[in-house]
Amino acid sequence: MKIFLDKDLLAGLFLIGVGSVYYYMANSLHRSLLSDRVGADGFPKLLAVTLIIFSTIMILQSVIKRKPSSATTADEGDDRLRFKFKNAAGMLLLGIGYLLIVSWAGYMVSIALLILVALRYQGEPLSWNMLLVTVLAGIFFWVFFVFALKIPMPGGIWPGLFGIR
């Protein structure tokens, strides 16, 4: 019997290791006279145990969903993996393109363009609704970051064009 390790099984094993190390590190936190019943190590230990539990569930789901594969299923799996890789690589390139233009074009325009191009890349047909959503999303995210979170975002060339600097 061959054992095939899929990504969920490997990730689950890795995360159990991370959770165990995190628990060990949390266990080494010193207790002081000012500590309450939970102590300084209580919440980190809870996070570690939660990570271990969810990782175990992910491993169990991986083992349960495993089914015998034939040669055609393996070929389909390779094609699907290749498609996912190309899709992820394309999205990564979109993110890199966004980073390259954000200081020049400004945050509001760049995020609207990123959303528009990402939607088109994922196969959405170009429509007036899509254009409206991307423009409103650009405005919303800019207002949210600049006014609600008080994080200055790059204005790009637009303030200089309108004499606002």
C-alpha atoms as a PDB file:
ATOM      1  CA  MET A   1       0.000   0.000   0.000  1.00  0.00           C
ATOM      2  CA  LYS A   2       1.438   3.337  -1.056  1.00  0.00           C
ATOM      3  CA  ILE A   3       0.921   6.346   1.155  1.00  0.00           C
ATOM      4  CA  PHE A   4       0.494   9.608  -0.708  1.00  0.00           C
ATOM      5  CA  LEU A   5       1.050  12.725   1.338  1.00  0.00           C
ATOM      6  CA  ASP A   6      -1.147  15.550   0.168  1.00  0.00           C
ATOM      7  CA  LYS A   7      -0.762  19.206   1.051  1.00  0.00           C
ATOM      8  CA  ASP A   8      -3.362  19.174   3.842  1.00  0.00           C
ATOM      9  CA  LEU A   9      -1.687  16.252   5.574  1.00  0.00           C
ATOM     10  CA  LEU A  10       1.763  17.827   5.322  1.00  0.00           C
ATOM     11  CA  ALA A  11       0.485  21.244   6.431  1.00  0.00           C
ATOM     12  CA  GLY A  12      -1.340  19.647   9.365  1.00  0.00           C
ATOM     13  CA  LEU A  13       1.783  17.820  10.514  1.00  0.00           C
ATOM     14  CA  PHE A  14       3.851  20.997  10.175  1.00  0.00           C
ATOM     15  CA  LEU A  15       1.295  23.046  12.121  1.00  0.00           C
ATOM     16  CA  ILE A  16       1.124  20.462  14.900  1.00  0.00           C
ATOM     17  CA  GLY A  17       4.882  20.899  15.226  1.00  0.00           C
ATOM     18  CA  VAL A  18       4.503  24.690  15.288  1.00  0.00           C
ATOM     19  CA  GLY A  19       1.751  24.438  17.911  1.00  0.00           C
ATOM     20  CA  SER A  20       3.849  22.117  20.045  1.00  0.00           C
ATOM     21  CA  VAL A  21       6.860  24.442  19.958  1.00  0.00           C
ATOM     22  CA  TYR A  22       4.593  27.405  20.726  1.00  0.00           C
ATOM     23  CA  TYR A  23       3.089  25.532  23.695  1.00  0.00           C
ATOM     24  CA  TYR A  24       6.564  24.666  24.984  1.00  0.00           C
ATOM     25  CA  MET A  25       7.628  28.302  24.701  1.00  0.00           C
ATOM     26  CA  ALA A  26       4.449  29.499  26.436  1.00  0.00           C
ATOM     27  CA  ASN A  27       5.029  26.961  29.195  1.00  0.00           C
ATOM     28  CA  SER A  28       8.434  28.509  29.890  1.00  0.00           C
ATOM     29  CA  LEU A  29       6.917  31.919  30.733  1.00  0.00           C
ATOM     30  CA  HIS A  30       7.544  32.740  34.383  1.00  0.00           C
ATOM     31  CA  ARG A  31       4.708  33.137  36.849  1.00  0.00           C
ATOM     32  CA  SER A  32       4.846  36.203  39.018  1.00  0.00           C
ATOM     33  CA  LEU A  33       3.198  37.083  42.289  1.00  0.00           C
ATOM     34  CA  LEU A  34       0.904  39.432  40.364  1.00  0.00           C
ATOM     35  CA  SER A  35      -0.422  36.681  38.075  1.00  0.00           C
ATOM     36  CA  ASP A  36      -4.065  35.767  38.131  1.00  0.00           C
ATOM     37  CA  ARG A  37      -5.421  32.202  37.810  1.00  0.00           C
ATOM     38  CA  VAL A  38      -4.832  32.159  34.062  1.00  0.00           C
ATOM     39  CA  GLY A  39      -1.374  33.692  34.181  1.00  0.00           C
ATOM     40  CA  ALA A  40       0.738  35.132  31.423  1.00  0.00           C
ATOM     41  CA  ASP A  41       0.979  31.734  29.747  1.00  0.00           C
ATOM     42  CA  GLY A  42      -2.763  31.049  29.609  1.00  0.00           C
ATOM     43  CA  PHE A  43      -3.690  32.678  26.322  1.00  0.00           C
ATOM     44  CA  PRO A  44      -0.592  31.520  24.392  1.00  0.00           C
ATOM     45  CA  LYS A  45      -1.236  27.965  25.580  1.00  0.00           C
ATOM     46  CA  LEU A  46      -4.860  28.253  24.462  1.00  0.00           C
ATOM     47  CA  LEU A  47      -3.701  29.403  21.016  1.00  0.00           C
ATOM     48  CA  ALA A  48      -1.221  26.520  20.785  1.00  0.00           C
ATOM     49  CA  VAL A  49      -3.802  23.914  21.782  1.00  0.00           C
ATOM     50  CA  THR A  50      -6.323  25.398  19.337  1.00  0.00           C
ATOM     51  CA  LEU A  51      -3.745  25.243  16.533  1.00  0.00           C
ATOM     52  CA  ILE A  52      -2.980  21.609  17.369  1.00  0.00           C
ATOM     53  CA  ILE A  53      -6.695  20.697  17.450  1.00  0.00           C
ATOM     54  CA  PHE A  54      -7.470  22.384  14.120  1.00  0.00           C
ATOM     55  CA  SER A  55      -4.378  20.825  12.545  1.00  0.00           C
ATOM     56  CA  THR A  56      -5.490  17.399  13.735  1.00  0.00           C
ATOM     57  CA  ILE A  57      -8.932  17.990  12.224  1.00  0.00           C
ATOM     58  CA  MET A  58      -7.287  19.013   8.943  1.00  0.00           C
ATOM     59  CA  ILE A  59      -5.229  15.793   8.947  1.00  0.00           C
ATOM     60  CA  LEU A  60      -8.313  13.684   9.656  1.00  0.00           C
ATOM     61  CA  GLN A  61     -10.220  15.368   6.828  1.00  0.00           C
ATOM     62  CA  SER A  62      -7.283  14.719   4.517  1.00  0.00           C
ATOM     63  CA  VAL A  63      -7.223  11.031   5.402  1.00  0.00           C
ATOM     64  CA  ILE A  64     -11.011  10.655   5.119  1.00  0.00           C
ATOM     65  CA  LYS A  65     -11.291  12.359   1.712  1.00  0.00           C
ATOM     66  CA  ARG A  66      -8.481  10.272   0.216  1.00  0.00           C
ATOM     67  CA  LYS A  67      -9.740   7.966  -2.480  1.00  0.00           C
ATOM     68  CA  PRO A  68      -7.936   5.556  -4.757  1.00  0.00           C
ATOM     69  CA  SER A  69      -6.712   7.204  -7.905  1.00  0.00           C
ATOM     70  CA  SER A  70      -6.341   5.822 -11.378  1.00  0.00           C
ATOM     71  CA  ALA A  71      -4.031   6.968 -14.153  1.00  0.00           C
ATOM     72  CA  THR A  72      -6.692   9.285 -15.608  1.00  0.00           C
ATOM     73  CA  THR A  73      -7.372  10.793 -12.203  1.00  0.00           C
ATOM     74  CA  ALA A  74      -3.640  11.448 -11.783  1.00  0.00           C
ATOM     75  CA  ASP A  75      -3.519  13.189 -15.175  1.00  0.00           C
ATOM     76  CA  GLU A  76      -6.563  15.296 -14.263  1.00  0.00           C
ATOM     77  CA  GLY A  77      -4.922  16.136 -10.943  1.00  0.00           C
ATOM     78  CA  ASP A  78      -1.762  17.272 -12.725  1.00  0.00           C
ATOM     79  CA  ASP A  79      -3.788  19.490 -15.077  1.00  0.00           C
ATOM     80  CA  ARG A  80      -5.724  20.943 -12.153  1.00  0.00           C
ATOM     81  CA  LEU A  81      -2.498  21.588 -10.225  1.00  0.00           C
ATOM     82  CA  ARG A  82      -0.955  23.257 -13.269  1.00  0.00           C
ATOM     83  CA  PHE A  83      -4.056  25.457 -13.649  1.00  0.00           C
ATOM     84  CA  LYS A  84      -3.954  26.442  -9.963  1.00  0.00           C
ATOM     85  CA  PHE A  85      -0.259  27.276 -10.229  1.00  0.00           C
ATOM     86  CA  LYS A  86      -0.799  29.435 -13.315  1.00  0.00           C
ATOM     87  CA  ASN A  87      -3.730  31.172 -11.644  1.00  0.00           C
ATOM     88  CA  ALA A  88      -1.708  31.867  -8.483  1.00  0.00           C
ATOM     89  CA  ALA A  89       1.267  33.081 -10.514  1.00  0.00           C
ATOM     90  CA  GLY A  90      -0.997  35.437 -12.464  1.00  0.00           C
ATOM     91  CA  MET A  91      -2.472  36.862  -9.254  1.00  0.00           C
ATOM     92  CA  LEU A  92       1.042  37.315  -7.867  1.00  0.00           C
ATOM     93  CA  LEU A  93       2.007  39.255 -10.994  1.00  0.00           C
ATOM     94  CA  LEU A  94      -1.078  41.448 -10.550  1.00  0.00           C
ATOM     95  CA  GLY A  95       0.060  42.223  -6.999  1.00  0.00           C
ATOM     96  CA  ILE A  96       3.558  43.062  -8.196  1.00  0.00           C
ATOM     97  CA  GLY A  97       2.103  45.329 -10.873  1.00  0.00           C
ATOM     98  CA  TYR A  98       0.019  47.068  -8.204  1.00  0.00           C
ATOM     99  CA  LEU A  99       3.124  47.668  -6.099  1.00  0.00           C
ATOM    100  CA  LEU A 100       4.946  49.104  -9.093  1.00  0.00           C
ATOM    101  CA  ILE A 101       2.264  51.686  -9.927  1.00  0.00           C
ATOM    102  CA  VAL A 102       0.840  52.624  -6.508  1.00  0.00           C
ATOM    103  CA  SER A 103       3.317  55.425  -5.761  1.00  0.00           C
ATOM    104  CA  TRP A 104       2.883  56.946  -9.226  1.00  0.00           C
ATOM    105  CA  ALA A 105      -0.858  56.442  -9.785  1.00  0.00           C
ATOM    106  CA  GLY A 106      -1.928  56.808  -6.149  1.00  0.00           C
ATOM    107  CA  TYR A 107      -3.675  54.359  -3.864  1.00  0.00           C
ATOM    108  CA  MET A 108      -7.248  55.072  -4.914  1.00  0.00           C
ATOM    109  CA  VAL A 109      -6.589  54.604  -8.632  1.00  0.00           C
ATOM    110  CA  SER A 110      -4.229  51.652  -8.110  1.00  0.00           C
ATOM    111  CA  ILE A 111      -6.586  49.662  -5.891  1.00  0.00           C
ATOM    112  CA  ALA A 112      -9.491  50.299  -8.285  1.00  0.00           C
ATOM    113  CA  LEU A 113      -7.346  49.094 -11.203  1.00  0.00           C
ATOM    114  CA  LEU A 114      -6.169  46.075  -9.208  1.00  0.00           C
ATOM    115  CA  ILE A 115      -9.744  45.049  -8.445  1.00  0.00           C
ATOM    116  CA  LEU A 116     -10.806  45.592 -12.068  1.00  0.00           C
ATOM    117  CA  VAL A 117      -7.908  43.604 -13.525  1.00  0.00           C
ATOM    118  CA  ALA A 118      -8.256  40.828 -10.935  1.00  0.00           C
ATOM    119  CA  LEU A 119     -11.958  40.451 -11.743  1.00  0.00           C
ATOM    120  CA  ARG A 120     -11.195  40.308 -15.461  1.00  0.00           C
ATOM    121  CA  TYR A 121      -8.375  37.822 -14.832  1.00  0.00           C
ATOM    122  CA  GLN A 122     -10.799  35.587 -12.941  1.00  0.00           C
ATOM    123  CA  GLY A 123     -13.136  35.605 -15.940  1.00  0.00           C
ATOM    124  CA  GLU A 124     -15.745  38.205 -15.027  1.00  0.00           C
ATOM    125  CA  PRO A 125     -17.165  39.952 -18.094  1.00  0.00           C
ATOM    126  CA  LEU A 126     -16.532  43.685 -18.368  1.00  0.00           C
ATOM    127  CA  SER A 127     -19.674  45.645 -17.562  1.00  0.00           C
ATOM    128  CA  TRP A 128     -20.803  49.006 -16.231  1.00  0.00           C
ATOM    129  CA  ASN A 129     -21.562  47.363 -12.887  1.00  0.00           C
ATOM    130  CA  MET A 130     -17.983  46.115 -12.641  1.00  0.00           C
ATOM    131  CA  LEU A 131     -16.621  49.577 -13.438  1.00  0.00           C
ATOM    132  CA  LEU A 132     -18.909  51.151 -10.842  1.00  0.00           C
ATOM    133  CA  VAL A 133     -17.913  48.603  -8.198  1.00  0.00           C
ATOM    134  CA  THR A 134     -14.201  49.121  -8.815  1.00  0.00           C
ATOM    135  CA  VAL A 135     -14.488  52.918  -8.656  1.00  0.00           C
ATOM    136  CA  LEU A 136     -16.574  52.770  -5.469  1.00  0.00           C
ATOM    137  CA  ALA A 137     -14.197  50.211  -3.951  1.00  0.00           C
ATOM    138  CA  GLY A 138     -11.210  52.458  -4.678  1.00  0.00           C
ATOM    139  CA  ILE A 139     -12.942  55.403  -3.007  1.00  0.00           C
ATOM    140  CA  PHE A 140     -14.133  53.275  -0.078  1.00  0.00           C
ATOM    141  CA  PHE A 141     -10.728  51.759   0.665  1.00  0.00           C
ATOM    142  CA  TRP A 142      -8.991  55.135   0.386  1.00  0.00           C
ATOM    143  CA  VAL A 143     -11.496  56.782   2.752  1.00  0.00           C
ATOM    144  CA  PHE A 144     -11.308  53.818   5.128  1.00  0.00           C
ATOM    145  CA  PHE A 145      -7.514  53.861   5.391  1.00  0.00           C
ATOM    146  CA  VAL A 146      -7.018  57.641   5.363  1.00  0.00           C
ATOM    147  CA  PHE A 147      -9.890  58.753   7.592  1.00  0.00           C
ATOM    148  CA  ALA A 148     -10.965  55.746   9.656  1.00  0.00           C
ATOM    149  CA  LEU A 149      -7.564  54.170  10.289  1.00  0.00           C
ATOM    150  CA  LYS A 150      -5.518  57.388   9.934  1.00  0.00           C
ATOM    151  CA  ILE A 151      -3.025  55.699   7.592  1.00  0.00           C
ATOM    152  CA  PRO A 152      -1.727  58.072   4.920  1.00  0.00           C
ATOM    153  CA  MET A 153      -1.948  56.529   1.476  1.00  0.00           C
ATOM    154  CA  PRO A 154       0.035  57.632  -1.591  1.00  0.00           C
ATOM    155  CA  GLY A 155      -1.765  60.284  -3.624  1.00  0.00           C
ATOM    156  CA  GLY A 156       0.242  59.705  -6.767  1.00  0.00           C
ATOM    157  CA  ILE A 157       0.483  62.377  -9.429  1.00  0.00           C
ATOM    158  CA  TRP A 158      -3.116  63.570  -9.040  1.00  0.00           C
ATOM    159  CA  PRO A 159      -2.676  66.146  -6.246  1.00  0.00           C
ATOM    160  CA  GLY A 160       0.164  67.794  -8.209  1.00  0.00           C
ATOM    161  CA  LEU A 161      -1.980  67.943 -11.347  1.00  0.00           C
ATOM    162  CA  PHE A 162      -4.715  69.764  -9.443  1.00  0.00           C
ATOM    163  CA  GLY A 163      -2.288  71.972  -7.490  1.00  0.00           C
ATOM    164  CA  ILE A 164      -3.148  70.436  -4.102  1.00  0.00           C
ATOM    165  CA  ARG A 165       0.260  69.597  -2.608  1.00  0.00           C
END
